[in-house]
Protein backbone atom coordinates (compact mmCIF):
# COMPACT_ATOMS: atom_id res chain seq x y z
CA MET A 1 -111.62 -36.20 -64.51
CA ILE A 2 -108.53 -37.39 -65.94
CA ASN A 3 -106.72 -38.61 -62.54
CA ASP A 4 -110.10 -40.54 -61.98
CA LEU A 5 -109.54 -42.30 -65.35
CA ILE A 6 -105.94 -42.84 -64.83
CA LYS A 7 -106.65 -44.48 -61.38
CA GLY A 8 -108.68 -46.92 -63.06
CA LEU A 9 -106.20 -48.23 -65.29
CA PRO A 10 -104.44 -51.53 -64.75
CA ASP A 11 -100.88 -51.19 -63.46
CA GLN A 12 -98.89 -51.62 -66.61
CA PHE A 13 -99.86 -47.73 -67.16
CA ASN A 14 -98.06 -46.63 -64.14
CA PRO A 15 -95.19 -48.87 -63.98
CA LYS A 16 -92.47 -47.78 -61.88
CA ILE A 17 -91.91 -49.36 -58.35
CA GLN A 18 -90.29 -46.43 -56.33
CA GLY A 19 -86.60 -47.52 -55.46
CA ARG A 20 -86.70 -50.39 -57.52
CA VAL A 21 -83.21 -50.84 -59.64
CA LEU A 22 -82.63 -53.25 -62.59
CA ILE A 23 -79.46 -54.87 -62.61
CA ILE A 24 -78.63 -55.54 -66.57
CA ASP A 25 -75.84 -58.38 -67.36
CA GLY A 26 -75.73 -55.99 -70.76
CA ASP A 27 -73.07 -58.29 -72.24
CA SER A 28 -76.12 -60.64 -74.06
CA LEU A 29 -77.98 -57.77 -75.10
CA ALA A 30 -74.99 -56.20 -76.59
CA TYR A 31 -74.34 -59.59 -78.50
CA LYS A 32 -78.18 -59.52 -79.88
CA ALA A 33 -77.68 -56.14 -80.79
CA ALA A 34 -74.33 -56.22 -82.50
CA ALA A 35 -75.41 -59.60 -84.28
CA THR A 36 -78.42 -58.41 -85.86
CA SER A 37 -77.04 -54.54 -87.15
CA LYS A 38 -75.01 -53.55 -90.10
CA ARG A 39 -74.50 -50.29 -88.70
CA LEU A 40 -73.08 -49.17 -85.15
CA LYS A 41 -75.66 -46.25 -85.08
CA THR A 42 -78.24 -48.89 -85.41
CA ALA A 43 -76.77 -51.35 -82.75
CA ILE A 44 -76.60 -48.31 -80.28
CA ARG A 45 -80.48 -47.76 -80.59
CA LYS A 46 -81.45 -51.50 -80.44
CA PHE A 47 -79.27 -51.54 -77.40
CA GLN A 48 -80.58 -48.54 -75.84
CA MET A 49 -84.13 -50.05 -76.60
CA MET A 50 -83.59 -53.06 -74.81
CA CYS A 51 -82.37 -51.68 -71.82
CA LEU A 52 -85.41 -49.56 -71.51
CA GLU A 53 -87.53 -52.41 -72.54
CA LYS A 54 -86.11 -54.41 -69.25
CA MET A 55 -86.63 -51.25 -67.17
CA PHE A 56 -90.23 -51.12 -68.31
CA ILE A 57 -91.26 -55.06 -67.85
CA THR A 58 -89.90 -55.03 -64.37
CA GLN A 59 -91.10 -51.79 -63.25
CA ALA A 60 -87.63 -50.07 -62.43
CA GLU A 61 -87.12 -46.64 -61.85
CA THR A 62 -83.24 -46.99 -62.85
CA ALA A 63 -81.03 -49.49 -64.01
CA ARG A 64 -77.50 -50.39 -63.83
CA VAL A 65 -75.92 -52.15 -66.71
CA HIS A 66 -72.75 -54.13 -66.91
CA LEU A 67 -70.38 -55.24 -69.45
CA THR A 68 -66.97 -57.08 -70.13
CA HIS A 69 -64.30 -54.97 -71.85
CA ARG A 70 -62.44 -57.14 -74.74
CA ASP A 71 -59.10 -57.02 -72.13
CA SER A 72 -60.86 -57.60 -69.17
CA LEU A 73 -58.90 -59.83 -66.84
CA LYS A 74 -62.32 -61.42 -65.89
CA THR A 75 -61.20 -62.12 -62.43
CA ASN A 76 -58.39 -64.09 -63.37
CA ARG A 77 -60.83 -66.97 -64.17
CA HIS A 78 -58.20 -67.85 -67.57
CA ARG A 79 -55.21 -68.53 -64.94
CA VAL A 80 -57.47 -71.54 -63.09
CA LEU A 81 -56.31 -74.91 -64.09
CA ALA A 82 -59.75 -76.71 -64.15
CA TRP A 83 -60.73 -79.77 -66.13
CA LYS A 84 -60.89 -77.47 -69.51
CA PRO A 85 -59.50 -74.22 -70.23
CA TYR A 86 -61.87 -71.49 -69.61
CA GLN A 87 -64.14 -70.15 -72.41
CA ASP A 88 -61.76 -72.28 -74.69
CA ASN A 89 -64.51 -73.01 -76.77
CA ARG A 90 -65.22 -69.91 -78.10
CA LYS A 91 -63.83 -68.56 -81.23
CA ASP A 92 -63.47 -64.98 -82.50
CA SER A 93 -65.04 -65.70 -85.99
CA GLU A 94 -68.04 -66.27 -83.94
CA ARG A 95 -68.31 -63.04 -82.19
CA PRO A 96 -70.46 -60.17 -84.05
CA VAL A 97 -68.03 -57.89 -85.90
CA LEU A 98 -69.68 -54.71 -84.13
CA ILE A 99 -69.61 -56.23 -80.57
CA GLU A 100 -66.65 -54.50 -79.44
CA GLU A 101 -67.36 -50.96 -80.83
CA LEU A 102 -70.60 -51.11 -79.57
CA ARG A 103 -69.71 -51.86 -76.05
CA ASP A 104 -67.28 -48.99 -75.93
CA ALA A 105 -69.95 -46.85 -77.49
CA VAL A 106 -72.90 -47.64 -75.32
CA SER A 107 -70.79 -47.25 -72.20
CA SER A 108 -69.70 -43.61 -72.86
CA ASP A 109 -71.10 -40.52 -71.84
CA GLU A 110 -72.25 -39.75 -75.51
CA HIS A 111 -74.81 -42.81 -75.41
CA VAL A 112 -75.56 -43.82 -71.79
CA LEU A 113 -79.17 -42.85 -71.03
CA PRO A 114 -80.33 -40.83 -68.40
CA GLU A 115 -82.58 -43.76 -67.11
CA TYR A 116 -79.40 -46.02 -66.69
CA SER A 117 -75.91 -46.07 -65.87
CA CYS A 118 -73.41 -48.66 -67.91
CA THR A 119 -69.92 -49.77 -66.84
CA LEU A 120 -67.54 -51.65 -68.90
CA HIS A 121 -65.27 -53.81 -66.62
CA LYS A 122 -61.58 -54.36 -67.30
CA ILE A 123 -61.08 -56.22 -64.02
CA LEU A 124 -64.24 -58.37 -63.26
CA GLU A 125 -66.39 -60.14 -65.61
CA ALA A 126 -69.77 -58.23 -65.69
CA ASP A 127 -71.43 -61.12 -64.41
CA ASP A 128 -69.43 -60.75 -60.99
CA ALA A 129 -70.47 -57.33 -61.16
CA VAL A 130 -73.88 -57.90 -61.59
CA MET A 131 -74.25 -60.50 -58.75
CA ILE A 132 -72.10 -57.85 -56.45
CA ASP A 133 -75.16 -55.42 -57.35
CA SER A 134 -77.65 -58.16 -56.70
CA TYR A 135 -76.46 -58.86 -53.20
CA ALA A 136 -75.78 -55.19 -52.61
CA TYR A 137 -79.43 -54.17 -53.41
CA LYS A 138 -80.95 -57.00 -52.16
CA GLU A 139 -84.84 -56.79 -52.52
CA SER A 140 -85.05 -53.33 -53.96
CA GLY A 141 -82.75 -54.59 -56.90
CA VAL A 142 -83.75 -57.12 -59.80
CA LEU A 143 -81.35 -59.17 -61.64
CA TYR A 144 -81.59 -60.05 -65.42
CA SER A 145 -79.59 -61.82 -67.48
CA GLU A 146 -79.94 -64.44 -70.46
CA ASP A 147 -76.87 -66.18 -68.73
CA LYS A 148 -78.02 -68.84 -66.31
CA ASP A 149 -74.80 -68.51 -64.26
CA LEU A 150 -76.79 -65.68 -62.54
CA ARG A 151 -79.28 -67.65 -61.31
CA GLN A 152 -77.43 -68.49 -58.49
CA THR A 153 -78.18 -65.09 -56.69
CA PRO A 154 -80.94 -65.47 -53.60
CA HIS A 155 -82.54 -62.07 -54.34
CA PRO A 156 -85.24 -60.84 -56.92
CA MET A 157 -84.50 -61.73 -61.08
CA TYR A 158 -86.31 -61.76 -63.87
CA ASP A 159 -86.28 -64.76 -65.79
CA PRO A 160 -86.64 -64.11 -69.68
CA TYR A 161 -87.74 -67.50 -70.29
CA ARG A 162 -90.53 -67.80 -68.40
CA GLY A 163 -91.46 -63.93 -68.61
CA VAL A 164 -91.76 -63.67 -64.40
CA GLU A 165 -89.69 -62.56 -61.58
CA LEU A 166 -88.54 -65.10 -59.60
CA GLN A 167 -86.71 -64.97 -56.07
CA ALA A 168 -85.26 -68.05 -54.16
CA ASP A 169 -87.31 -69.51 -51.56
CA GLY A 170 -84.75 -70.73 -49.04
CA ILE A 171 -82.10 -72.39 -50.37
CA GLY A 172 -83.77 -72.08 -53.86
CA SER A 173 -84.90 -74.80 -56.55
CA LEU A 174 -84.12 -76.16 -59.82
CA TRP A 175 -86.36 -77.42 -62.81
CA MET A 176 -85.96 -78.88 -66.36
CA HIS A 177 -85.79 -76.36 -69.44
CA VAL A 178 -86.09 -77.40 -72.97
CA THR A 179 -84.29 -75.29 -75.38
CA PRO A 180 -85.61 -74.22 -78.78
CA SER A 181 -83.74 -76.96 -80.05
CA GLY A 182 -85.44 -79.54 -78.12
CA ASN A 183 -82.28 -80.19 -75.75
CA TYR A 184 -82.47 -80.44 -72.14
CA ASP A 185 -80.76 -78.26 -69.33
CA ILE A 186 -80.85 -77.34 -66.14
CA HIS A 187 -82.98 -73.88 -64.82
CA GLY A 188 -83.19 -72.93 -61.26
CA CYS A 189 -82.81 -69.93 -58.94
CA GLY A 190 -80.86 -69.57 -55.59
CA ARG A 191 -77.72 -71.23 -53.93
CA LEU A 192 -78.85 -74.74 -55.04
CA PHE A 193 -78.31 -73.59 -58.54
CA PHE A 194 -74.86 -73.19 -58.02
CA TRP A 195 -74.37 -76.62 -56.75
CA ALA A 196 -76.45 -77.70 -59.68
CA GLN A 197 -73.71 -76.45 -61.66
CA MET A 198 -70.93 -77.92 -59.56
CA LEU A 199 -72.24 -81.22 -60.72
CA ARG A 200 -73.44 -80.52 -64.13
CA GLY A 201 -70.74 -77.81 -65.35
CA ASP A 202 -71.61 -74.98 -67.83
CA GLY A 203 -70.97 -75.94 -71.55
CA ALA A 204 -71.32 -72.18 -72.70
CA ASP A 205 -68.02 -71.07 -70.83
CA ASN A 206 -66.31 -74.90 -71.21
CA ILE A 207 -66.58 -75.69 -67.52
CA ARG A 208 -66.72 -79.44 -67.16
CA GLY A 209 -68.05 -79.59 -63.55
CA LEU A 210 -68.00 -83.27 -61.97
CA ASP A 211 -66.48 -85.58 -64.36
CA ARG A 212 -68.10 -88.55 -63.17
CA PHE A 213 -70.85 -89.21 -60.74
CA TYR A 214 -69.64 -92.78 -59.07
CA GLY A 215 -68.94 -93.89 -62.22
CA ARG A 216 -71.84 -92.38 -64.15
CA GLN A 217 -71.72 -89.78 -66.67
CA ILE A 218 -73.59 -86.78 -65.00
CA GLY A 219 -75.76 -84.37 -67.19
CA ALA A 220 -78.80 -82.38 -66.96
CA VAL A 221 -81.12 -85.19 -66.03
CA ARG A 222 -79.11 -86.94 -63.39
CA THR A 223 -78.32 -83.65 -61.84
CA LEU A 224 -82.03 -82.67 -61.44
CA GLU A 225 -82.77 -86.26 -60.21
CA GLU A 226 -80.16 -86.12 -57.57
CA LEU A 227 -80.56 -82.56 -56.20
CA GLU A 228 -84.47 -81.75 -56.70
CA VAL A 229 -84.96 -83.09 -53.27
CA PHE A 230 -83.55 -80.16 -51.68
CA ASN A 231 -85.57 -77.78 -53.59
CA ASP A 232 -86.95 -74.83 -51.50
CA ALA A 233 -85.13 -76.59 -48.42
CA PRO A 234 -84.21 -73.57 -45.65
CA ALA A 235 -81.08 -71.59 -46.58
CA GLU A 236 -78.81 -73.71 -43.84
CA VAL A 237 -79.34 -76.94 -45.62
CA GLU A 238 -76.79 -75.53 -47.87
CA SER A 239 -73.98 -77.18 -46.03
CA GLU A 240 -75.66 -80.81 -46.82
CA VAL A 241 -76.30 -79.79 -50.32
CA ALA A 242 -72.19 -78.75 -50.39
CA ASN A 243 -71.37 -82.04 -48.75
CA PHE A 244 -73.11 -84.27 -51.11
CA VAL A 245 -71.34 -82.60 -54.06
CA LEU A 246 -67.99 -82.76 -52.66
CA ASP A 247 -68.39 -86.19 -51.40
CA ALA A 248 -69.02 -87.11 -54.93
CA TYR A 249 -65.75 -84.82 -55.75
CA ARG A 250 -63.90 -86.82 -53.16
CA HIS A 251 -65.00 -90.21 -54.33
CA HIS A 252 -63.26 -89.47 -58.17
CA ASN A 253 -60.28 -87.56 -56.45
CA GLN A 254 -61.08 -84.47 -58.73
CA ASN A 255 -60.05 -81.16 -57.18
CA PRO A 256 -63.48 -79.14 -56.72
CA LEU A 257 -61.52 -75.91 -56.33
CA PRO A 258 -61.19 -75.11 -59.82
CA GLU A 259 -64.60 -75.34 -60.65
CA GLY A 260 -65.71 -73.78 -58.13
CA TRP A 261 -63.88 -70.84 -58.43
CA LEU A 262 -65.04 -70.70 -62.19
CA LEU A 263 -68.67 -71.11 -61.65
CA HIS A 264 -68.80 -69.05 -58.38
CA MET A 265 -70.02 -65.55 -59.07
CA LEU A 266 -68.57 -62.99 -56.75
CA ARG A 267 -71.04 -61.39 -53.89
CA THR A 268 -68.43 -58.61 -53.05
CA TRP A 269 -65.27 -57.16 -54.31
CA ASP A 270 -63.27 -59.47 -51.98
CA ASP A 271 -65.36 -62.46 -52.43
CA SER A 272 -64.27 -65.94 -53.11
CA PHE A 273 -65.51 -69.52 -53.43
CA ASN A 274 -63.01 -69.99 -50.41
CA ASP A 275 -65.47 -67.75 -48.47
CA VAL A 276 -68.39 -70.18 -49.89
CA LEU A 277 -66.57 -73.20 -48.39
CA GLN A 278 -65.53 -71.38 -44.95
CA SER A 279 -69.02 -70.41 -44.47
CA LEU A 280 -70.36 -73.92 -44.39
CA ASP A 281 -70.36 -77.00 -42.11
CA LEU A 282 -68.42 -79.37 -44.09
CA SER A 283 -67.70 -83.03 -42.95
CA THR A 284 -64.28 -83.81 -41.49
CA GLN A 285 -63.59 -85.87 -44.65
CA ASN A 286 -64.58 -83.06 -46.82
CA THR A 287 -62.44 -80.17 -44.75
CA GLU A 288 -58.98 -82.62 -45.01
CA PHE A 289 -60.00 -83.33 -48.93
CA LEU A 290 -60.27 -79.50 -49.61
CA ASN A 291 -57.11 -79.12 -47.57
CA GLU A 292 -55.20 -81.31 -49.86
CA CYS A 293 -56.63 -79.90 -53.05
CA THR A 294 -55.47 -76.39 -52.00
CA GLN A 295 -51.82 -77.46 -51.95
CA GLN A 296 -52.36 -78.91 -55.68
CA HIS A 297 -51.13 -76.98 -58.68
CA TRP A 298 -54.53 -75.42 -59.82
CA PHE A 299 -53.98 -71.64 -59.96
CA ASP A 300 -51.68 -70.46 -62.60
């Protein structure tokens, strides 16, 4: 009788999808837990509960949580000489008091729950580790992050703003997001989102992106106007999008390599923005331009 009753219940009462792995950007969860707790014990419990909650809503059997160590090399991004210094807009005084203690604690054997693993990274940024997992697990994984950088994955992701799972169709798509404060920002999914960031930049990490788009400022609205024509185009159209963006960099003689190295999330441990460029069918003009840019002093 009980089995008959269970069979008639909605899916949320039997949520796990066999083999599904949730890939969590734990930095954003740790910030939330640390910022809303006075005691480390409370912050640990909040972090654990948030991880379990994300597993429940994504119907995951297991999860892999990634965190960035306080002394992480952050994939050497601080050595890139971009338009602006990487993450130079962040002040230590704005960080939650418990954040580093919490990261250490939740990644220790004492506080990791059986349902998930938790890794504190000293070489990569957590973002890179999350993206590497996304490419490794592909359709059996689902990525969760409140950081929009990770929207460049072509594989399944959970959108915390829409409350739905997304997966890029072809090159992906872009749309306008209105923040709680009423500002506009670009959201999306797939490789198209990466190229949108190459135009728009990422203010959260102090990445300028393209300084001028043919003499005009390039913000969220103009970025969407220029790139939404590519929404849901086949994956091979990425070469056309890349040439479109690189044409604008070349027009203003701005080296795109620093911005690309900062914005590109690693797909494998030995991946780089150069690998992206080499996989594309770039125009002769842009190939020659990139060769010239490579010779410039853009990496310390």
